[in-house]
Protein backbone atom coordinates (compact mmCIF):
# COMPACT_ATOMS: atom_id res chain seq x y z
CA MET A 1 86.68 70.84 117.61
CA SER A 2 86.90 74.31 116.02
CA SER A 3 85.01 77.22 117.85
CA LEU A 4 83.78 78.10 114.24
CA SER A 5 82.08 74.70 113.81
CA GLY A 6 78.26 75.14 113.39
CA ARG A 7 78.59 78.73 112.44
CA ARG A 8 78.13 80.29 109.03
CA PRO A 9 81.71 81.61 108.02
CA HIS A 10 80.17 84.85 106.48
CA LEU A 11 78.54 85.65 109.87
CA VAL A 12 81.67 85.27 111.95
CA ARG A 13 83.33 88.43 113.05
CA ASN A 14 87.06 88.69 111.93
CA GLU A 15 88.99 89.30 115.03
CA GLN A 16 91.74 91.21 113.31
CA GLU A 17 91.37 94.78 113.51
CA GLU A 18 93.43 97.79 112.32
CA HIS A 19 93.56 101.45 113.27
CA VAL A 20 94.35 104.62 111.14
CA GLN A 21 95.18 107.65 113.00
CA GLY A 22 93.19 106.47 116.04
CA HIS A 23 90.05 105.46 114.17
CA HIS A 24 89.00 101.79 114.33
CA ILE A 25 88.60 99.99 110.89
CA ALA A 26 86.14 97.11 111.32
CA SER A 27 86.36 94.32 108.98
CA GLU A 28 82.82 92.94 109.68
CA LEU A 29 79.88 93.34 107.51
CA PRO A 30 77.47 95.08 107.21
CA ALA A 31 79.61 98.34 107.19
CA ARG A 32 77.84 101.09 108.92
CA GLN A 33 80.08 104.28 108.59
CA LEU A 34 83.10 105.46 106.67
CA PRO A 35 85.82 103.85 109.00
CA ASP A 36 84.10 100.40 108.50
CA ARG A 37 84.52 100.72 104.80
CA LEU A 38 88.14 102.01 104.32
CA ARG A 39 89.20 98.64 102.92
CA THR A 40 87.39 99.31 99.68
CA VAL A 41 89.65 102.14 98.65
CA GLY A 42 93.50 102.84 98.66
CA PRO A 43 95.29 104.18 101.70
CA GLY A 44 95.98 107.53 100.09
CA TRP A 45 92.33 108.35 100.56
CA HIS A 46 91.92 107.06 104.10
CA VAL A 47 92.84 110.42 105.94
CA LEU A 48 90.47 112.36 103.48
CA LEU A 49 87.55 109.84 104.26
CA LEU A 50 88.30 109.97 108.04
CA ARG A 51 88.14 113.77 107.87
CA LEU A 52 84.81 113.52 106.05
CA HIS A 53 83.61 110.93 108.62
CA THR A 54 84.36 113.49 111.41
CA GLN A 55 82.39 116.23 109.54
CA LEU A 56 79.43 113.87 108.86
CA LEU A 57 79.15 112.94 112.50
CA VAL A 58 78.52 116.66 113.51
CA LEU A 59 75.66 116.86 110.97
CA GLU A 60 74.33 113.49 110.91
CA PRO A 61 75.61 111.15 113.66
CA ASP A 62 73.51 108.23 112.49
CA TYR A 63 74.53 108.41 108.85
CA ARG A 64 75.17 104.97 107.11
CA ILE A 65 77.18 104.01 104.12
CA HIS A 66 75.18 102.76 101.30
CA ASP A 67 78.04 102.42 98.87
CA LEU A 68 81.83 103.50 98.95
CA LYS A 69 84.16 102.75 95.81
CA GLU A 70 86.65 104.02 93.37
CA LYS A 71 85.33 104.91 90.04
CA LEU A 72 87.00 106.81 87.18
CA GLY A 73 89.87 107.91 89.40
CA ALA A 74 87.82 109.22 92.28
CA VAL A 75 85.90 108.03 95.29
CA ARG A 76 82.21 107.64 95.08
CA ILE A 77 80.22 107.87 98.35
CA ARG A 78 76.51 107.08 98.86
CA ILE A 79 75.01 107.45 102.20
CA THR A 80 71.60 106.99 103.79
CA SER A 81 70.43 109.37 106.42
CA ALA A 82 67.55 109.74 108.93
CA CYS A 83 66.81 112.90 106.90
CA ALA A 84 65.57 111.89 103.52
CA PRO A 85 66.46 113.23 101.14
CA VAL A 86 70.08 114.02 102.18
CA ARG A 87 70.47 117.54 103.39
CA PRO A 88 72.27 120.00 101.09
CA GLU A 89 75.24 120.60 103.55
CA ILE A 90 75.83 116.88 103.75
CA ARG A 91 75.66 116.48 99.96
CA SER A 92 78.12 119.33 99.57
CA LEU A 93 80.60 117.60 101.98
CA LEU A 94 80.28 114.36 99.87
CA THR A 95 80.89 116.24 96.61
CA SER A 96 83.92 118.03 98.02
CA ALA A 97 85.50 114.73 99.13
CA GLU A 98 84.85 113.21 95.83
CA GLU A 99 86.53 116.28 94.12
CA GLN A 100 89.57 116.11 96.37
CA SER A 101 90.05 112.31 95.93
CA ALA A 102 90.43 113.00 92.04
CA THR A 103 93.64 115.12 92.98
CA THR A 104 95.02 112.92 95.71
CA CYS A 105 96.98 109.65 94.91
CA GLU A 106 95.02 106.75 95.97
CA PHE A 107 98.15 104.85 96.75
CA CYS A 108 100.18 107.29 99.02
CA GLY A 109 97.93 110.46 99.52
CA SER A 110 100.33 112.82 97.66
CA PRO A 111 98.97 115.38 95.26
CA GLY A 112 98.10 113.67 92.02
CA ARG A 113 95.77 113.53 89.05
CA ARG A 114 93.57 111.20 87.14
CA ARG A 115 95.71 109.00 84.77
CA ARG A 116 95.77 105.80 82.93
CA ARG A 117 98.50 103.29 82.98
CA ASN A 118 101.33 104.50 80.86
CA ASP A 119 98.92 107.42 79.90
CA GLU A 120 97.40 105.15 77.23
CA ALA A 121 94.25 106.42 75.39
CA ALA A 122 92.11 103.68 77.05
CA GLY A 123 92.13 101.74 80.20
CA TRP A 124 91.60 101.83 83.99
CA ILE A 125 91.78 105.39 85.45
CA LYS A 126 93.29 106.03 88.92
CA ALA A 127 94.25 109.17 90.95
CA VAL A 128 97.99 108.82 91.19
CA CYS A 129 101.04 110.93 91.72
CA GLU A 130 103.99 110.74 89.45
CA ASP A 131 105.95 108.21 91.54
CA CYS A 132 102.95 105.83 92.00
CA HIS A 133 102.00 106.33 88.41
CA SER A 134 105.18 104.83 87.27
CA ALA A 135 104.94 101.83 89.70
CA TRP A 136 101.35 101.25 88.86
CA SER A 137 101.98 101.46 85.24
CA ASP A 138 104.68 98.71 85.64
CA HIS A 139 102.10 96.62 87.53
CA SER A 140 104.55 96.58 90.43
CA ILE A 141 102.00 97.98 92.91
CA MET A 142 98.26 97.44 93.34
CA ILE A 143 95.62 98.04 96.14
CA VAL A 144 94.25 95.03 97.95
CA ASN A 145 91.94 95.42 100.89
CA GLY A 146 92.67 99.01 101.49
CA ALA A 147 96.55 98.54 101.46
CA VAL A 148 99.23 98.91 98.80
CA ARG A 149 100.70 95.53 97.79
CA HIS A 150 103.97 95.28 95.92
CA ARG A 151 104.06 92.67 93.16
CA ARG A 152 106.99 90.39 92.65
CA PRO A 153 108.60 90.78 89.39
CA ARG A 154 107.66 88.24 86.81
CA ASN A 155 110.29 85.81 85.65
CA GLY A 156 110.40 86.11 81.89
C-alpha cells in the first residue's frame, strides 16, 4: 500500500528540493517568501529575487508573498506585511527589483531588454538577451517550473 493512500495529493509535500546559491527553494504550497516561489519565473531572475529577499528580511522578516509572476516582460511582486500599508522603503525595493527585471534576461540573467518573439508588432513580451531572444523566437527554449527547457525540433 502506498504511503500516500488516504491523503489528499495537493496536501502532500513534494520531497524534491532544489537550492540556488545556498537558498532553499520549497515546492510546497502555500508559498511564504520569495525563495518559495522562484519556480514561477525564469532562472535569470532568481539571483535578483534572492537579493531582494535578503533586503526584505532586514526590513520585514515576516513578509509574505501574495503574488509573484512575469507580466509584460518584468517581474511583478506583491507582498503582505505586518505593517499595513507596506512601508515606503519596502515599496521602493519592490519597484527597483521590478525595474531591474525588465533589463535582465529571464532565461539566463544576462543584460537584456523587453522584446517580442521575432520583434513582431504584437505578441508575448519577455525580457531577453540577444542570444536567448533568438532561441525563444525559434520556440527552441521555454521556461517551465523556474527552469529553461530546450524543445526538440519539430519533424516537418
